[in-house]
Amino acid sequence: MFREQFVTEDLENLSEEIVFEQLSIIIEEGKYEFSKSPISVQDIAAIALNNMPPKYICSFIEKQYPRQNLLDEVNDLKKYARRQLIKAIKKVNENPHE
């Protein structure tokens, strides 16, 4: 509601993108059984994201040419996101929303 009042198209939470990237990889691997329904996938993503630290960037240059320390943080976030997603999958499997 209030966000529309500001110019925010360059503002991005990398943690959100990373969670969905890792969720796609987990689904592709097929190692974990869980419902792929939109509700279950959203529940899994929401649970994982609630446990992720936010990592916002807002510069086009930073997105295209990230510094090494940002690349290191992103790699750490990918590992952390995967762990959070696996926990979230177990939680949703134990307590399905559907």
PDB file of N, CA and C in Angstrom:
ATOM      1  N   MET A   1       0.813  -1.188   0.000  1.00  0.00           N
ATOM      2  CA  MET A   1       0.000   0.000   0.000  1.00  0.00           C
ATOM      3  C   MET A   1       0.862   1.259   0.000  1.00  0.00           C
ATOM      4  N   PHE A   2       1.766   1.375   0.952  1.00  0.00           N
ATOM      5  CA  PHE A   2       2.599   2.561   1.020  1.00  0.00           C
ATOM      6  C   PHE A   2       3.807   2.474   0.098  1.00  0.00           C
ATOM      7  N   ARG A   3       4.217   1.254  -0.206  1.00  0.00           N
ATOM      8  CA  ARG A   3       5.394   1.071  -1.060  1.00  0.00           C
ATOM      9  C   ARG A   3       5.201   1.719  -2.424  1.00  0.00           C
ATOM     10  N   GLU A   4       3.976   1.708  -2.928  1.00  0.00           N
ATOM     11  CA  GLU A   4       3.694   2.286  -4.240  1.00  0.00           C
ATOM     12  C   GLU A   4       3.982   3.785  -4.307  1.00  0.00           C
ATOM     13  N   GLN A   5       4.118   4.422  -3.162  1.00  0.00           N
ATOM     14  CA  GLN A   5       4.392   5.855  -3.120  1.00  0.00           C
ATOM     15  C   GLN A   5       5.854   6.174  -3.451  1.00  0.00           C
ATOM     16  N   PHE A   6       6.684   5.144  -3.474  1.00  0.00           N
ATOM     17  CA  PHE A   6       8.115   5.348  -3.641  1.00  0.00           C
ATOM     18  C   PHE A   6       8.643   4.599  -4.863  1.00  0.00           C
ATOM     19  N   VAL A   7       9.787   5.031  -5.341  1.00  0.00           N
ATOM     20  CA  VAL A   7      10.457   4.345  -6.430  1.00  0.00           C
ATOM     21  C   VAL A   7      11.250   3.202  -5.804  1.00  0.00           C
ATOM     22  N   THR A   8      10.816   1.959  -6.084  1.00  0.00           N
ATOM     23  CA  THR A   8      11.447   0.809  -5.431  1.00  0.00           C
ATOM     24  C   THR A   8      11.809  -0.323  -6.386  1.00  0.00           C
ATOM     25  N   GLU A   9      11.732  -0.082  -7.684  1.00  0.00           N
ATOM     26  CA  GLU A   9      11.953  -1.196  -8.611  1.00  0.00           C
ATOM     27  C   GLU A   9      13.359  -1.779  -8.537  1.00  0.00           C
ATOM     28  N   ASP A  10      14.340  -1.014  -8.053  1.00  0.00           N
ATOM     29  CA  ASP A  10      15.702  -1.540  -7.922  1.00  0.00           C
ATOM     30  C   ASP A  10      15.962  -2.178  -6.559  1.00  0.00           C
ATOM     31  N   LEU A  11      15.043  -2.021  -5.632  1.00  0.00           N
ATOM     32  CA  LEU A  11      15.195  -2.581  -4.292  1.00  0.00           C
ATOM     33  C   LEU A  11      14.808  -4.055  -4.323  1.00  0.00           C
ATOM     34  N   GLU A  12      15.738  -4.917  -3.910  1.00  0.00           N
ATOM     35  CA  GLU A  12      15.502  -6.355  -3.987  1.00  0.00           C
ATOM     36  C   GLU A  12      16.048  -7.044  -2.743  1.00  0.00           C
ATOM     37  N   ASN A  13      15.262  -7.959  -2.193  1.00  0.00           N
ATOM     38  CA  ASN A  13      15.708  -8.779  -1.085  1.00  0.00           C
ATOM     39  C   ASN A  13      16.320 -10.051  -1.670  1.00  0.00           C
ATOM     40  N   LEU A  14      17.629 -10.153  -1.644  1.00  0.00           N
ATOM     41  CA  LEU A  14      18.307 -11.311  -2.212  1.00  0.00           C
ATOM     42  C   LEU A  14      17.906 -12.602  -1.513  1.00  0.00           C
ATOM     43  N   SER A  15      17.608 -12.527  -0.229  1.00  0.00           N
ATOM     44  CA  SER A  15      17.208 -13.729   0.505  1.00  0.00           C
ATOM     45  C   SER A  15      15.962 -14.353  -0.106  1.00  0.00           C
ATOM     46  N   GLU A  16      15.031 -13.528  -0.542  1.00  0.00           N
ATOM     47  CA  GLU A  16      13.811 -14.045  -1.161  1.00  0.00           C
ATOM     48  C   GLU A  16      14.129 -14.775  -2.466  1.00  0.00           C
ATOM     49  N   GLU A  17      14.938 -14.168  -3.289  1.00  0.00           N
ATOM     50  CA  GLU A  17      15.316 -14.801  -4.559  1.00  0.00           C
ATOM     51  C   GLU A  17      16.077 -16.103  -4.312  1.00  0.00           C
ATOM     52  N   ILE A  18      16.959 -16.084  -3.335  1.00  0.00           N
ATOM     53  CA  ILE A  18      17.748 -17.273  -3.008  1.00  0.00           C
ATOM     54  C   ILE A  18      16.859 -18.402  -2.517  1.00  0.00           C
ATOM     55  N   VAL A  19      15.876 -18.105  -1.677  1.00  0.00           N
ATOM     56  CA  VAL A  19      14.966 -19.146  -1.181  1.00  0.00           C
ATOM     57  C   VAL A  19      14.238 -19.811  -2.346  1.00  0.00           C
ATOM     58  N   PHE A  20      13.734 -19.032  -3.270  1.00  0.00           N
ATOM     59  CA  PHE A  20      13.022 -19.621  -4.407  1.00  0.00           C
ATOM     60  C   PHE A  20      13.970 -20.367  -5.345  1.00  0.00           C
ATOM     61  N   GLU A  21      15.187 -19.879  -5.490  1.00  0.00           N
ATOM     62  CA  GLU A  21      16.182 -20.598  -6.286  1.00  0.00           C
ATOM     63  C   GLU A  21      16.467 -21.968  -5.655  1.00  0.00           C
ATOM     64  N   GLN A  22      16.719 -21.976  -4.360  1.00  0.00           N
ATOM     65  CA  GLN A  22      17.030 -23.228  -3.670  1.00  0.00           C
ATOM     66  C   GLN A  22      15.824 -24.161  -3.634  1.00  0.00           C
ATOM     67  N   LEU A  23      14.636 -23.619  -3.509  1.00  0.00           N
ATOM     68  CA  LEU A  23      13.426 -24.442  -3.541  1.00  0.00           C
ATOM     69  C   LEU A  23      13.291 -25.114  -4.905  1.00  0.00           C
ATOM     70  N   SER A  24      13.577 -24.396  -5.965  1.00  0.00           N
ATOM     71  CA  SER A  24      13.538 -24.977  -7.311  1.00  0.00           C
ATOM     72  C   SER A  24      14.545 -26.109  -7.445  1.00  0.00           C
ATOM     73  N   ILE A  25      15.728 -25.911  -6.900  1.00  0.00           N
ATOM     74  CA  ILE A  25      16.757 -26.950  -6.950  1.00  0.00           C
ATOM     75  C   ILE A  25      16.310 -28.181  -6.164  1.00  0.00           C
ATOM     76  N   ILE A  26      15.750 -27.963  -4.989  1.00  0.00           N
ATOM     77  CA  ILE A  26      15.274 -29.081  -4.163  1.00  0.00           C
ATOM     78  C   ILE A  26      14.190 -29.860  -4.892  1.00  0.00           C
ATOM     79  N   ILE A  27      13.270 -29.166  -5.516  1.00  0.00           N
ATOM     80  CA  ILE A  27      12.200 -29.841  -6.264  1.00  0.00           C
ATOM     81  C   ILE A  27      12.808 -30.637  -7.420  1.00  0.00           C
ATOM     82  N   GLU A  28      13.747 -30.029  -8.129  1.00  0.00           N
ATOM     83  CA  GLU A  28      14.384 -30.683  -9.275  1.00  0.00           C
ATOM     84  C   GLU A  28      15.150 -31.943  -8.843  1.00  0.00           C
ATOM     85  N   GLU A  29      15.806 -31.881  -7.701  1.00  0.00           N
ATOM     86  CA  GLU A  29      16.564 -33.032  -7.199  1.00  0.00           C
ATOM     87  C   GLU A  29      15.661 -34.212  -6.848  1.00  0.00           C
ATOM     88  N   GLY A  30      14.465 -33.909  -6.358  1.00  0.00           N
ATOM     89  CA  GLY A  30      13.511 -34.952  -6.012  1.00  0.00           C
ATOM     90  C   GLY A  30      13.867 -35.774  -4.788  1.00  0.00           C
ATOM     91  N   LYS A  31      14.732 -35.269  -3.923  1.00  0.00           N
ATOM     92  CA  LYS A  31      15.154 -36.007  -2.727  1.00  0.00           C
ATOM     93  C   LYS A  31      14.116 -35.962  -1.606  1.00  0.00           C
ATOM     94  N   TYR A  32      13.272 -34.961  -1.608  1.00  0.00           N
ATOM     95  CA  TYR A  32      12.331 -34.766  -0.512  1.00  0.00           C
ATOM     96  C   TYR A  32      10.909 -34.875  -1.041  1.00  0.00           C
ATOM     97  N   GLU A  33      10.108 -35.655  -0.348  1.00  0.00           N
ATOM     98  CA  GLU A  33       8.703 -35.814  -0.719  1.00  0.00           C
ATOM     99  C   GLU A  33       7.877 -34.737  -0.021  1.00  0.00           C
ATOM    100  N   PHE A  34       7.139 -33.983  -0.806  1.00  0.00           N
ATOM    101  CA  PHE A  34       6.199 -33.010  -0.258  1.00  0.00           C
ATOM    102  C   PHE A  34       5.262 -32.567  -1.367  1.00  0.00           C
ATOM    103  N   SER A  35       4.122 -32.058  -0.955  1.00  0.00           N
ATOM    104  CA  SER A  35       3.145 -31.577  -1.918  1.00  0.00           C
ATOM    105  C   SER A  35       3.702 -30.363  -2.656  1.00  0.00           C
ATOM    106  N   LYS A  36       3.556 -30.354  -3.955  1.00  0.00           N
ATOM    107  CA  LYS A  36       4.011 -29.221  -4.775  1.00  0.00           C
ATOM    108  C   LYS A  36       2.852 -28.275  -5.095  1.00  0.00           C
ATOM    109  N   SER A  37       1.752 -28.428  -4.338  1.00  0.00           N
ATOM    110  CA  SER A  37       0.610 -27.529  -4.563  1.00  0.00           C
ATOM    111  C   SER A  37       1.030 -26.096  -4.243  1.00  0.00           C
ATOM    112  N   PRO A  38       0.377 -25.120  -4.859  1.00  0.00           N
ATOM    113  CA  PRO A  38       0.732 -23.718  -4.578  1.00  0.00           C
ATOM    114  C   PRO A  38       0.678 -23.372  -3.093  1.00  0.00           C
ATOM    115  N   ILE A  39      -0.312 -23.907  -2.374  1.00  0.00           N
ATOM    116  CA  ILE A  39      -0.427 -23.598  -0.944  1.00  0.00           C
ATOM    117  C   ILE A  39       0.772 -24.160  -0.182  1.00  0.00           C
ATOM    118  N   SER A  40       1.137 -25.418  -0.439  1.00  0.00           N
ATOM    119  CA  SER A  40       2.270 -26.023   0.263  1.00  0.00           C
ATOM    120  C   SER A  40       3.578 -25.324  -0.071  1.00  0.00           C
ATOM    121  N   VAL A  41       3.776 -25.025  -1.330  1.00  0.00           N
ATOM    122  CA  VAL A  41       5.016 -24.349  -1.741  1.00  0.00           C
ATOM    123  C   VAL A  41       5.100 -22.971  -1.094  1.00  0.00           C
ATOM    124  N   GLN A  42       4.002 -22.245  -1.045  1.00  0.00           N
ATOM    125  CA  GLN A  42       4.004 -20.928  -0.401  1.00  0.00           C
ATOM    126  C   GLN A  42       4.251 -21.060   1.096  1.00  0.00           C
ATOM    127  N   ASP A  43       3.659 -22.070   1.730  1.00  0.00           N
ATOM    128  CA  ASP A  43       3.898 -22.288   3.160  1.00  0.00           C
ATOM    129  C   ASP A  43       5.376 -22.578   3.413  1.00  0.00           C
ATOM    130  N   ILE A  44       5.960 -23.438   2.604  1.00  0.00           N
ATOM    131  CA  ILE A  44       7.377 -23.787   2.750  1.00  0.00           C
ATOM    132  C   ILE A  44       8.245 -22.541   2.574  1.00  0.00           C
ATOM    133  N   ALA A  45       7.986 -21.781   1.533  1.00  0.00           N
ATOM    134  CA  ALA A  45       8.761 -20.568   1.279  1.00  0.00           C
ATOM    135  C   ALA A  45       8.596 -19.557   2.412  1.00  0.00           C
ATOM    136  N   ALA A  46       7.370 -19.378   2.891  1.00  0.00           N
ATOM    137  CA  ALA A  46       7.118 -18.406   3.960  1.00  0.00           C
ATOM    138  C   ALA A  46       7.843 -18.799   5.240  1.00  0.00           C
ATOM    139  N   ILE A  47       7.791 -20.082   5.589  1.00  0.00           N
ATOM    140  CA  ILE A  47       8.470 -20.535   6.802  1.00  0.00           C
ATOM    141  C   ILE A  47       9.977 -20.315   6.669  1.00  0.00           C
ATOM    142  N   ALA A  48      10.537 -20.690   5.535  1.00  0.00           N
ATOM    143  CA  ALA A  48      11.977 -20.500   5.322  1.00  0.00           C
ATOM    144  C   ALA A  48      12.341 -19.019   5.347  1.00  0.00           C
ATOM    145  N   LEU A  49      11.558 -18.194   4.657  1.00  0.00           N
ATOM    146  CA  LEU A  49      11.861 -16.763   4.602  1.00  0.00           C
ATOM    147  C   LEU A  49      11.764 -16.104   5.970  1.00  0.00           C
ATOM    148  N   ASN A  50      10.856 -16.565   6.808  1.00  0.00           N
ATOM    149  CA  ASN A  50      10.744 -16.000   8.153  1.00  0.00           C
ATOM    150  C   ASN A  50      11.967 -16.301   9.004  1.00  0.00           C
ATOM    151  N   ASN A  51      12.759 -17.280   8.594  1.00  0.00           N
ATOM    152  CA  ASN A  51      13.975 -17.623   9.325  1.00  0.00           C
ATOM    153  C   ASN A  51      15.246 -17.136   8.641  1.00  0.00           C
ATOM    154  N   MET A  52      15.093 -16.458   7.522  1.00  0.00           N
ATOM    155  CA  MET A  52      16.240 -15.945   6.772  1.00  0.00           C
ATOM    156  C   MET A  52      16.530 -14.500   7.168  1.00  0.00           C
ATOM    157  N   PRO A  53      17.806 -14.139   7.234  1.00  0.00           N
ATOM    158  CA  PRO A  53      18.109 -12.718   7.421  1.00  0.00           C
ATOM    159  C   PRO A  53      17.852 -11.985   6.109  1.00  0.00           C
ATOM    160  N   PRO A  54      17.287 -10.808   6.164  1.00  0.00           N
ATOM    161  CA  PRO A  54      17.092 -10.063   4.923  1.00  0.00           C
ATOM    162  C   PRO A  54      18.436  -9.579   4.388  1.00  0.00           C
ATOM    163  N   LYS A  55      18.541  -9.544   3.083  1.00  0.00           N
ATOM    164  CA  LYS A  55      19.753  -9.014   2.447  1.00  0.00           C
ATOM    165  C   LYS A  55      19.305  -8.192   1.246  1.00  0.00           C
ATOM    166  N   TYR A  56      19.131  -6.902   1.484  1.00  0.00           N
ATOM    167  CA  TYR A  56      18.633  -6.010   0.446  1.00  0.00           C
ATOM    168  C   TYR A  56      19.773  -5.376  -0.330  1.00  0.00           C
ATOM    169  N   ILE A  57      19.553  -5.274  -1.626  1.00  0.00           N
ATOM    170  CA  ILE A  57      20.429  -4.476  -2.479  1.00  0.00           C
ATOM    171  C   ILE A  57      19.536  -3.553  -3.297  1.00  0.00           C
ATOM    172  N   CYS A  58      20.098  -2.433  -3.710  1.00  0.00           N
ATOM    173  CA  CYS A  58      19.259  -1.486  -4.450  1.00  0.00           C
ATOM    174  C   CYS A  58      19.980  -0.835  -5.618  1.00  0.00           C
ATOM    175  N   SER A  59      21.141  -1.311  -5.917  1.00  0.00           N
ATOM    176  CA  SER A  59      21.907  -0.706  -6.986  1.00  0.00           C
ATOM    177  C   SER A  59      21.992  -1.641  -8.182  1.00  0.00           C
ATOM    178  N   PHE A  60      21.701  -1.118  -9.346  1.00  0.00           N
ATOM    179  CA  PHE A  60      21.827  -1.899 -10.575  1.00  0.00           C
ATOM    180  C   PHE A  60      23.262  -2.391 -10.737  1.00  0.00           C
ATOM    181  N   ILE A  61      24.215  -1.543 -10.435  1.00  0.00           N
ATOM    182  CA  ILE A  61      25.628  -1.913 -10.557  1.00  0.00           C
ATOM    183  C   ILE A  61      25.963  -3.044  -9.600  1.00  0.00           C
ATOM    184  N   GLU A  62      25.459  -2.968  -8.377  1.00  0.00           N
ATOM    185  CA  GLU A  62      25.722  -4.024  -7.400  1.00  0.00           C
ATOM    186  C   GLU A  62      25.127  -5.356  -7.851  1.00  0.00           C
ATOM    187  N   LYS A  63      23.981  -5.305  -8.519  1.00  0.00           N
ATOM    188  CA  LYS A  63      23.358  -6.525  -9.026  1.00  0.00           C
ATOM    189  C   LYS A  63      24.154  -7.116 -10.190  1.00  0.00           C
ATOM    190  N   GLN A  64      24.669  -6.261 -11.056  1.00  0.00           N
ATOM    191  CA  GLN A  64      25.387  -6.729 -12.241  1.00  0.00           C
ATOM    192  C   GLN A  64      26.853  -7.073 -11.957  1.00  0.00           C
ATOM    193  N   TYR A  65      27.463  -6.340 -11.056  1.00  0.00           N
ATOM    194  CA  TYR A  65      28.882  -6.522 -10.744  1.00  0.00           C
ATOM    195  C   TYR A  65      29.077  -6.543  -9.229  1.00  0.00           C
ATOM    196  N   PRO A  66      28.614  -7.622  -8.585  1.00  0.00           N
ATOM    197  CA  PRO A  66      28.700  -7.663  -7.115  1.00  0.00           C
ATOM    198  C   PRO A  66      30.143  -7.754  -6.626  1.00  0.00           C
ATOM    199  N   ARG A  67      30.394  -7.142  -5.483  1.00  0.00           N
ATOM    200  CA  ARG A  67      31.710  -7.229  -4.853  1.00  0.00           C
ATOM    201  C   ARG A  67      31.912  -8.636  -4.303  1.00  0.00           C
ATOM    202  N   GLN A  68      33.141  -9.003  -4.041  1.00  0.00           N
ATOM    203  CA  GLN A  68      33.454 -10.348  -3.556  1.00  0.00           C
ATOM    204  C   GLN A  68      32.765 -10.642  -2.229  1.00  0.00           C
ATOM    205  N   ASN A  69      32.714  -9.652  -1.335  1.00  0.00           N
ATOM    206  CA  ASN A  69      32.074  -9.913  -0.045  1.00  0.00           C
ATOM    207  C   ASN A  69      30.583 -10.189  -0.209  1.00  0.00           C
ATOM    208  N   LEU A  70      29.932  -9.568  -1.190  1.00  0.00           N
ATOM    209  CA  LEU A  70      28.527  -9.865  -1.459  1.00  0.00           C
ATOM    210  C   LEU A  70      28.387 -11.274  -2.023  1.00  0.00           C
ATOM    211  N   LEU A  71      29.282 -11.669  -2.907  1.00  0.00           N
ATOM    212  CA  LEU A  71      29.253 -13.029  -3.455  1.00  0.00           C
ATOM    213  C   LEU A  71      29.428 -14.064  -2.350  1.00  0.00           C
ATOM    214  N   ASP A  72      30.314 -13.779  -1.402  1.00  0.00           N
ATOM    215  CA  ASP A  72      30.519 -14.684  -0.274  1.00  0.00           C
ATOM    216  C   ASP A  72      29.260 -14.773   0.581  1.00  0.00           C
ATOM    217  N   GLU A  73      28.634 -13.635   0.838  1.00  0.00           N
ATOM    218  CA  GLU A  73      27.388 -13.623   1.609  1.00  0.00           C
ATOM    219  C   GLU A  73      26.288 -14.414   0.897  1.00  0.00           C
ATOM    220  N   VAL A  74      26.197 -14.247  -0.406  1.00  0.00           N
ATOM    221  CA  VAL A  74      25.188 -14.959  -1.192  1.00  0.00           C
ATOM    222  C   VAL A  74      25.419 -16.463  -1.103  1.00  0.00           C
ATOM    223  N   ASN A  75      26.649 -16.898  -1.208  1.00  0.00           N
ATOM    224  CA  ASN A  75      26.948 -18.334  -1.095  1.00  0.00           C
ATOM    225  C   ASN A  75      26.561 -18.864   0.282  1.00  0.00           C
ATOM    226  N   ASP A  76      26.852 -18.099   1.331  1.00  0.00           N
ATOM    227  CA  ASP A  76      26.452 -18.501   2.680  1.00  0.00           C
ATOM    228  C   ASP A  76      24.931 -18.535   2.810  1.00  0.00           C
ATOM    229  N   LEU A  77      24.262 -17.544   2.227  1.00  0.00           N
ATOM    230  CA  LEU A  77      22.801 -17.504   2.276  1.00  0.00           C
ATOM    231  C   LEU A  77      22.180 -18.683   1.538  1.00  0.00           C
ATOM    232  N   LYS A  78      22.787 -19.119   0.459  1.00  0.00           N
ATOM    233  CA  LYS A  78      22.269 -20.280  -0.278  1.00  0.00           C
ATOM    234  C   LYS A  78      22.299 -21.527   0.593  1.00  0.00           C
ATOM    235  N   LYS A  79      23.402 -21.729   1.288  1.00  0.00           N
ATOM    236  CA  LYS A  79      23.513 -22.888   2.188  1.00  0.00           C
ATOM    237  C   LYS A  79      22.489 -22.786   3.320  1.00  0.00           C
ATOM    238  N   TYR A  80      22.367 -21.602   3.890  1.00  0.00           N
ATOM    239  CA  TYR A  80      21.426 -21.398   4.989  1.00  0.00           C
ATOM    240  C   TYR A  80      19.981 -21.572   4.500  1.00  0.00           C
ATOM    241  N   ALA A  81      19.686 -21.051   3.321  1.00  0.00           N
ATOM    242  CA  ALA A  81      18.335 -21.166   2.760  1.00  0.00           C
ATOM    243  C   ALA A  81      17.970 -22.624   2.547  1.00  0.00           C
ATOM    244  N   ARG A  82      18.893 -23.401   2.049  1.00  0.00           N
ATOM    245  CA  ARG A  82      18.632 -24.828   1.823  1.00  0.00           C
ATOM    246  C   ARG A  82      18.286 -25.529   3.144  1.00  0.00           C
ATOM    247  N   ARG A  83      19.061 -25.233   4.193  1.00  0.00           N
ATOM    248  CA  ARG A  83      18.763 -25.834   5.502  1.00  0.00           C
ATOM    249  C   ARG A  83      17.387 -25.408   6.006  1.00  0.00           C
ATOM    250  N   GLN A  84      17.065 -24.126   5.825  1.00  0.00           N
ATOM    251  CA  GLN A  84      15.764 -23.632   6.285  1.00  0.00           C
ATOM    252  C   GLN A  84      14.623 -24.249   5.479  1.00  0.00           C
ATOM    253  N   LEU A  85      14.835 -24.445   4.197  1.00  0.00           N
ATOM    254  CA  LEU A  85      13.804 -25.053   3.348  1.00  0.00           C
ATOM    255  C   LEU A  85      13.566 -26.513   3.740  1.00  0.00           C
ATOM    256  N   ILE A  86      14.613 -27.243   4.035  1.00  0.00           N
ATOM    257  CA  ILE A  86      14.455 -28.641   4.443  1.00  0.00           C
ATOM    258  C   ILE A  86      13.675 -28.718   5.748  1.00  0.00           C
ATOM    259  N   LYS A  87      13.986 -27.832   6.687  1.00  0.00           N
ATOM    260  CA  LYS A  87      13.219 -27.768   7.941  1.00  0.00           C
ATOM    261  C   LYS A  87      11.757 -27.427   7.655  1.00  0.00           C
ATOM    262  N   ALA A  88      11.543 -26.474   6.753  1.00  0.00           N
ATOM    263  CA  ALA A  88      10.179 -26.043   6.425  1.00  0.00           C
ATOM    264  C   ALA A  88       9.401 -27.165   5.752  1.00  0.00           C
ATOM    265  N   ILE A  89      10.048 -27.926   4.896  1.00  0.00           N
ATOM    266  CA  ILE A  89       9.391 -29.060   4.232  1.00  0.00           C
ATOM    267  C   ILE A  89       8.922 -30.062   5.275  1.00  0.00           C
ATOM    268  N   LYS A  90       9.780 -30.376   6.231  1.00  0.00           N
ATOM    269  CA  LYS A  90       9.406 -31.312   7.296  1.00  0.00           C
ATOM    270  C   LYS A  90       8.222 -30.773   8.096  1.00  0.00           C
ATOM    271  N   LYS A  91       8.266 -29.494   8.395  1.00  0.00           N
ATOM    272  CA  LYS A  91       7.195 -28.867   9.175  1.00  0.00           C
ATOM    273  C   LYS A  91       5.857 -28.910   8.419  1.00  0.00           C
ATOM    274  N   VAL A  92       5.891 -28.585   7.142  1.00  0.00           N
ATOM    275  CA  VAL A  92       4.667 -28.595   6.341  1.00  0.00           C
ATOM    276  C   VAL A  92       4.162 -30.028   6.149  1.00  0.00           C
ATOM    277  N   ASN A  93       5.075 -30.970   5.986  1.00  0.00           N
ATOM    278  CA  ASN A  93       4.658 -32.376   5.875  1.00  0.00           C
ATOM    279  C   ASN A  93       3.974 -32.854   7.148  1.00  0.00           C
ATOM    280  N   GLU A  94       4.448 -32.401   8.302  1.00  0.00           N
ATOM    281  CA  GLU A  94       3.863 -32.797   9.575  1.00  0.00           C
ATOM    282  C   GLU A  94       2.534 -32.084   9.842  1.00  0.00           C
ATOM    283  N   ASN A  95       2.380 -30.889   9.315  1.00  0.00           N
ATOM    284  CA  ASN A  95       1.186 -30.059   9.544  1.00  0.00           C
ATOM    285  C   ASN A  95       0.714 -29.441   8.242  1.00  0.00           C
ATOM    286  N   PRO A  96       0.196 -30.258   7.313  1.00  0.00           N
ATOM    287  CA  PRO A  96      -0.214 -29.689   6.014  1.00  0.00           C
ATOM    288  C   PRO A  96      -1.356 -28.685   6.172  1.00  0.00           C
ATOM    289  N   HIS A  97      -1.295 -27.665   5.373  1.00  0.00           N
ATOM    290  CA  HIS A  97      -2.284 -26.586   5.376  1.00  0.00           C
ATOM    291  C   HIS A  97      -3.547 -26.978   4.597  1.00  0.00           C
ATOM    292  N   GLU A  98      -3.381 -27.923   3.693  1.00  0.00           N
ATOM    293  CA  GLU A  98      -4.457 -28.303   2.782  1.00  0.00           C
ATOM    294  C   GLU A  98      -5.489 -29.160   3.467  1.00  0.00           C
TER     295      GLU A  98
END
